[in-house]
Amino acid sequence: MTVITICAILKAKQGHENQLRDELLKLIEPSRAEKGCIQYMLHRSLEEKGTFVFYESWADENAIITHVNTEHYQTYRKNIETIIDTMDVYHLENMES
């Protein structure tokens, strides 16, 4: 089994920081309940207002594909279209194992 880690860095448009935070918080519970979700953590930058980081671990690529096709994820993507400034997503592999 190849665990895949995702680091997603999202920055809200000015004035939309709280709205983006609220949309991100809605993802946590249903995402953690998905089959294949090992870890799903949301962080807020201490240095940059309105910058949030998701740190996720998934059992495999199929779990990620299933995740991005869920209703809650698709709703989130639609809801952030006008409030997101940037989003960088990195798929990572552990170099120690």
N, C-alpha and C. Protein backbone atom coordinates (compact mmCIF):
# COMPACT_ATOMS: atom_id res chain seq x y z
N MET A 1 0.85 -1.18 0.00
CA MET A 1 0.00 0.00 0.00
C MET A 1 0.90 1.25 0.00
N THR A 2 0.63 2.14 -0.93
CA THR A 2 1.38 3.38 -1.03
C THR A 2 0.53 4.52 -0.50
N VAL A 3 0.87 5.00 0.68
CA VAL A 3 0.16 6.14 1.26
C VAL A 3 0.58 7.39 0.50
N ILE A 4 -0.42 8.20 0.15
CA ILE A 4 -0.15 9.45 -0.55
C ILE A 4 -0.55 10.60 0.37
N THR A 5 0.35 11.54 0.52
CA THR A 5 0.09 12.73 1.34
C THR A 5 -0.15 13.90 0.41
N ILE A 6 -1.10 14.71 0.78
CA ILE A 6 -1.41 15.93 0.02
C ILE A 6 -1.22 17.13 0.94
N CYS A 7 -0.55 18.13 0.41
CA CYS A 7 -0.43 19.42 1.07
C CYS A 7 -1.08 20.44 0.14
N ALA A 8 -2.18 21.00 0.59
CA ALA A 8 -2.90 22.00 -0.22
C ALA A 8 -2.83 23.34 0.50
N ILE A 9 -2.33 24.34 -0.19
CA ILE A 9 -2.18 25.67 0.38
C ILE A 9 -3.16 26.61 -0.34
N LEU A 10 -4.06 27.18 0.43
CA LEU A 10 -5.13 28.01 -0.12
C LEU A 10 -5.06 29.41 0.47
N LYS A 11 -5.21 30.40 -0.38
CA LYS A 11 -5.20 31.79 0.08
C LYS A 11 -6.49 32.45 -0.37
N ALA A 12 -7.17 33.06 0.59
CA ALA A 12 -8.43 33.75 0.31
C ALA A 12 -8.19 35.10 -0.33
N LYS A 13 -9.14 35.54 -1.16
CA LYS A 13 -9.13 36.91 -1.63
C LYS A 13 -9.35 37.82 -0.42
N GLN A 14 -8.76 38.99 -0.48
CA GLN A 14 -8.88 39.95 0.63
C GLN A 14 -10.36 40.18 0.96
N GLY A 15 -10.67 40.12 2.23
CA GLY A 15 -12.04 40.32 2.69
C GLY A 15 -12.86 39.05 2.74
N HIS A 16 -12.31 37.94 2.27
CA HIS A 16 -13.05 36.67 2.23
C HIS A 16 -12.40 35.59 3.10
N GLU A 17 -11.53 36.01 4.00
CA GLU A 17 -10.79 35.06 4.83
C GLU A 17 -11.73 34.18 5.68
N ASN A 18 -12.69 34.79 6.34
CA ASN A 18 -13.60 34.03 7.20
C ASN A 18 -14.51 33.11 6.39
N GLN A 19 -14.92 33.57 5.23
CA GLN A 19 -15.78 32.76 4.38
C GLN A 19 -15.03 31.52 3.89
N LEU A 20 -13.77 31.69 3.48
CA LEU A 20 -12.98 30.54 3.05
C LEU A 20 -12.76 29.59 4.23
N ARG A 21 -12.42 30.14 5.39
CA ARG A 21 -12.23 29.30 6.58
C ARG A 21 -13.47 28.44 6.84
N ASP A 22 -14.64 29.05 6.76
CA ASP A 22 -15.89 28.32 7.02
C ASP A 22 -16.11 27.20 6.01
N GLU A 23 -15.81 27.47 4.75
CA GLU A 23 -15.97 26.43 3.71
C GLU A 23 -14.99 25.28 3.95
N LEU A 24 -13.78 25.60 4.36
CA LEU A 24 -12.79 24.55 4.61
C LEU A 24 -13.18 23.71 5.82
N LEU A 25 -13.68 24.34 6.85
CA LEU A 25 -14.09 23.60 8.05
C LEU A 25 -15.20 22.60 7.74
N LYS A 26 -16.07 22.93 6.80
CA LYS A 26 -17.16 22.02 6.43
C LYS A 26 -16.66 20.71 5.83
N LEU A 27 -15.46 20.72 5.28
CA LEU A 27 -14.90 19.52 4.62
C LEU A 27 -14.38 18.48 5.60
N ILE A 28 -14.01 18.89 6.80
CA ILE A 28 -13.26 18.01 7.68
C ILE A 28 -14.03 16.75 8.06
N GLU A 29 -15.17 16.89 8.64
CA GLU A 29 -15.89 15.71 9.14
C GLU A 29 -16.24 14.71 8.04
N PRO A 30 -16.86 15.14 6.93
CA PRO A 30 -17.19 14.14 5.91
C PRO A 30 -15.95 13.53 5.23
N SER A 31 -14.89 14.30 5.12
CA SER A 31 -13.68 13.78 4.49
C SER A 31 -13.01 12.74 5.39
N ARG A 32 -12.96 13.01 6.67
CA ARG A 32 -12.38 12.05 7.62
C ARG A 32 -13.16 10.74 7.65
N ALA A 33 -14.44 10.79 7.32
CA ALA A 33 -15.29 9.60 7.34
C ALA A 33 -15.14 8.74 6.07
N GLU A 34 -14.46 9.27 5.07
CA GLU A 34 -14.31 8.54 3.81
C GLU A 34 -13.38 7.34 3.96
N LYS A 35 -13.72 6.27 3.24
CA LYS A 35 -12.85 5.11 3.20
C LYS A 35 -11.53 5.52 2.55
N GLY A 36 -10.43 5.15 3.17
CA GLY A 36 -9.12 5.48 2.63
C GLY A 36 -8.50 6.74 3.20
N CYS A 37 -9.26 7.50 3.98
CA CYS A 37 -8.71 8.70 4.61
C CYS A 37 -7.97 8.29 5.87
N ILE A 38 -6.70 8.61 5.91
CA ILE A 38 -5.87 8.30 7.08
C ILE A 38 -5.75 9.53 7.97
N GLN A 39 -5.59 10.67 7.35
CA GLN A 39 -5.43 11.93 8.10
C GLN A 39 -5.98 13.07 7.25
N TYR A 40 -6.66 14.02 7.90
CA TYR A 40 -7.22 15.17 7.20
C TYR A 40 -7.22 16.33 8.19
N MET A 41 -6.20 17.18 8.09
CA MET A 41 -6.00 18.25 9.07
C MET A 41 -5.94 19.61 8.39
N LEU A 42 -6.63 20.58 8.98
CA LEU A 42 -6.63 21.94 8.47
C LEU A 42 -5.81 22.82 9.40
N HIS A 43 -4.95 23.63 8.82
CA HIS A 43 -4.11 24.56 9.57
C HIS A 43 -4.30 25.97 9.02
N ARG A 44 -4.04 26.96 9.88
CA ARG A 44 -4.09 28.37 9.46
C ARG A 44 -2.70 28.95 9.65
N SER A 45 -2.25 29.72 8.67
CA SER A 45 -0.94 30.36 8.75
C SER A 45 -0.94 31.42 9.84
N LEU A 46 0.13 31.42 10.63
CA LEU A 46 0.30 32.47 11.64
C LEU A 46 0.90 33.73 11.04
N GLU A 47 1.57 33.58 9.89
CA GLU A 47 2.23 34.73 9.26
C GLU A 47 1.37 35.43 8.22
N GLU A 48 0.53 34.70 7.51
CA GLU A 48 -0.22 35.28 6.40
C GLU A 48 -1.72 35.13 6.64
N LYS A 49 -2.40 36.23 6.92
CA LYS A 49 -3.84 36.20 7.13
C LYS A 49 -4.54 35.64 5.90
N GLY A 50 -5.48 34.75 6.13
CA GLY A 50 -6.26 34.20 5.03
C GLY A 50 -5.59 33.07 4.28
N THR A 51 -4.47 32.54 4.81
CA THR A 51 -3.79 31.42 4.20
C THR A 51 -4.02 30.18 5.05
N PHE A 52 -4.49 29.12 4.41
CA PHE A 52 -4.84 27.87 5.08
C PHE A 52 -4.11 26.72 4.40
N VAL A 53 -3.80 25.69 5.19
CA VAL A 53 -3.09 24.54 4.66
C VAL A 53 -3.82 23.27 5.10
N PHE A 54 -4.19 22.45 4.12
CA PHE A 54 -4.70 21.12 4.40
C PHE A 54 -3.53 20.15 4.31
N TYR A 55 -3.42 19.28 5.31
CA TYR A 55 -2.43 18.22 5.30
C TYR A 55 -3.22 16.92 5.38
N GLU A 56 -3.15 16.13 4.31
CA GLU A 56 -3.99 14.94 4.18
C GLU A 56 -3.13 13.72 3.88
N SER A 57 -3.57 12.58 4.36
CA SER A 57 -2.96 11.31 3.98
C SER A 57 -4.07 10.36 3.54
N TRP A 58 -3.83 9.72 2.41
CA TRP A 58 -4.81 8.82 1.82
C TRP A 58 -4.16 7.46 1.56
N ALA A 59 -4.95 6.41 1.66
CA ALA A 59 -4.44 5.05 1.51
C ALA A 59 -3.83 4.80 0.14
N ASP A 60 -4.41 5.42 -0.89
CA ASP A 60 -3.90 5.22 -2.25
C ASP A 60 -4.55 6.24 -3.19
N GLU A 61 -4.16 6.19 -4.44
CA GLU A 61 -4.67 7.13 -5.45
C GLU A 61 -6.19 6.99 -5.63
N ASN A 62 -6.71 5.78 -5.53
CA ASN A 62 -8.15 5.58 -5.68
C ASN A 62 -8.93 6.31 -4.60
N ALA A 63 -8.40 6.35 -3.39
CA ALA A 63 -9.07 7.07 -2.30
C ALA A 63 -9.13 8.57 -2.60
N ILE A 64 -8.08 9.10 -3.21
CA ILE A 64 -8.06 10.52 -3.57
C ILE A 64 -9.07 10.80 -4.69
N ILE A 65 -9.11 9.92 -5.67
CA ILE A 65 -10.06 10.09 -6.77
C ILE A 65 -11.49 10.06 -6.25
N THR A 66 -11.76 9.13 -5.35
CA THR A 66 -13.09 9.06 -4.75
C THR A 66 -13.39 10.34 -3.98
N HIS A 67 -12.43 10.82 -3.23
CA HIS A 67 -12.60 12.04 -2.42
C HIS A 67 -12.98 13.24 -3.29
N VAL A 68 -12.25 13.47 -4.35
CA VAL A 68 -12.51 14.67 -5.16
C VAL A 68 -13.81 14.57 -5.96
N ASN A 69 -14.40 13.39 -5.98
CA ASN A 69 -15.68 13.21 -6.67
C ASN A 69 -16.87 13.15 -5.72
N THR A 70 -16.63 13.33 -4.42
CA THR A 70 -17.74 13.32 -3.47
C THR A 70 -18.56 14.60 -3.60
N GLU A 71 -19.80 14.50 -3.15
CA GLU A 71 -20.69 15.66 -3.20
C GLU A 71 -20.15 16.81 -2.35
N HIS A 72 -19.64 16.49 -1.15
CA HIS A 72 -19.17 17.58 -0.28
C HIS A 72 -17.94 18.28 -0.87
N TYR A 73 -17.07 17.55 -1.54
CA TYR A 73 -15.90 18.17 -2.16
C TYR A 73 -16.31 19.02 -3.37
N GLN A 74 -17.20 18.50 -4.19
CA GLN A 74 -17.66 19.26 -5.36
C GLN A 74 -18.39 20.53 -4.94
N THR A 75 -19.18 20.45 -3.87
CA THR A 75 -19.87 21.64 -3.35
C THR A 75 -18.87 22.67 -2.86
N TYR A 76 -17.87 22.22 -2.13
CA TYR A 76 -16.80 23.11 -1.64
C TYR A 76 -16.11 23.82 -2.81
N ARG A 77 -15.75 23.07 -3.84
CA ARG A 77 -15.05 23.69 -4.98
C ARG A 77 -15.91 24.78 -5.63
N LYS A 78 -17.19 24.51 -5.76
CA LYS A 78 -18.09 25.50 -6.34
C LYS A 78 -18.20 26.73 -5.43
N ASN A 79 -18.28 26.49 -4.12
CA ASN A 79 -18.47 27.59 -3.16
C ASN A 79 -17.25 28.50 -3.02
N ILE A 80 -16.06 28.01 -3.36
CA ILE A 80 -14.87 28.85 -3.18
C ILE A 80 -14.42 29.56 -4.46
N GLU A 81 -15.09 29.28 -5.57
CA GLU A 81 -14.66 29.84 -6.86
C GLU A 81 -14.40 31.34 -6.83
N THR A 82 -15.26 32.09 -6.16
CA THR A 82 -15.15 33.56 -6.19
C THR A 82 -14.41 34.13 -4.98
N ILE A 83 -14.03 33.28 -4.03
CA ILE A 83 -13.38 33.79 -2.81
C ILE A 83 -11.92 33.34 -2.68
N ILE A 84 -11.47 32.49 -3.57
CA ILE A 84 -10.09 31.97 -3.49
C ILE A 84 -9.17 32.81 -4.37
N ASP A 85 -8.03 33.16 -3.83
CA ASP A 85 -7.03 33.88 -4.61
C ASP A 85 -6.09 32.88 -5.28
N THR A 86 -5.49 32.00 -4.47
CA THR A 86 -4.59 30.98 -5.02
C THR A 86 -4.81 29.65 -4.30
N MET A 87 -4.51 28.57 -5.01
CA MET A 87 -4.54 27.24 -4.43
C MET A 87 -3.43 26.42 -5.07
N ASP A 88 -2.50 25.97 -4.25
CA ASP A 88 -1.41 25.10 -4.71
C ASP A 88 -1.57 23.76 -4.01
N VAL A 89 -1.58 22.68 -4.81
CA VAL A 89 -1.77 21.35 -4.27
C VAL A 89 -0.58 20.49 -4.65
N TYR A 90 0.00 19.85 -3.64
CA TYR A 90 1.17 18.99 -3.85
C TYR A 90 0.84 17.57 -3.40
N HIS A 91 1.09 16.59 -4.27
CA HIS A 91 0.97 15.17 -3.93
C HIS A 91 2.37 14.71 -3.56
N LEU A 92 2.51 14.16 -2.36
CA LEU A 92 3.82 13.87 -1.80
C LEU A 92 3.98 12.39 -1.47
N GLU A 93 5.21 11.92 -1.54
CA GLU A 93 5.50 10.58 -1.07
C GLU A 93 6.56 10.67 0.02
N ASN A 94 6.49 9.77 0.98
CA ASN A 94 7.42 9.74 2.09
C ASN A 94 8.78 9.25 1.60
N MET A 95 9.80 10.00 1.88
CA MET A 95 11.15 9.64 1.44
C MET A 95 11.88 8.76 2.46
N GLU A 96 11.29 8.57 3.64
CA GLU A 96 11.95 7.82 4.69
C GLU A 96 11.60 6.34 4.70
N SER A 97 10.53 5.96 4.02
CA SER A 97 10.14 4.54 4.08
C SER A 97 10.36 3.84 2.77
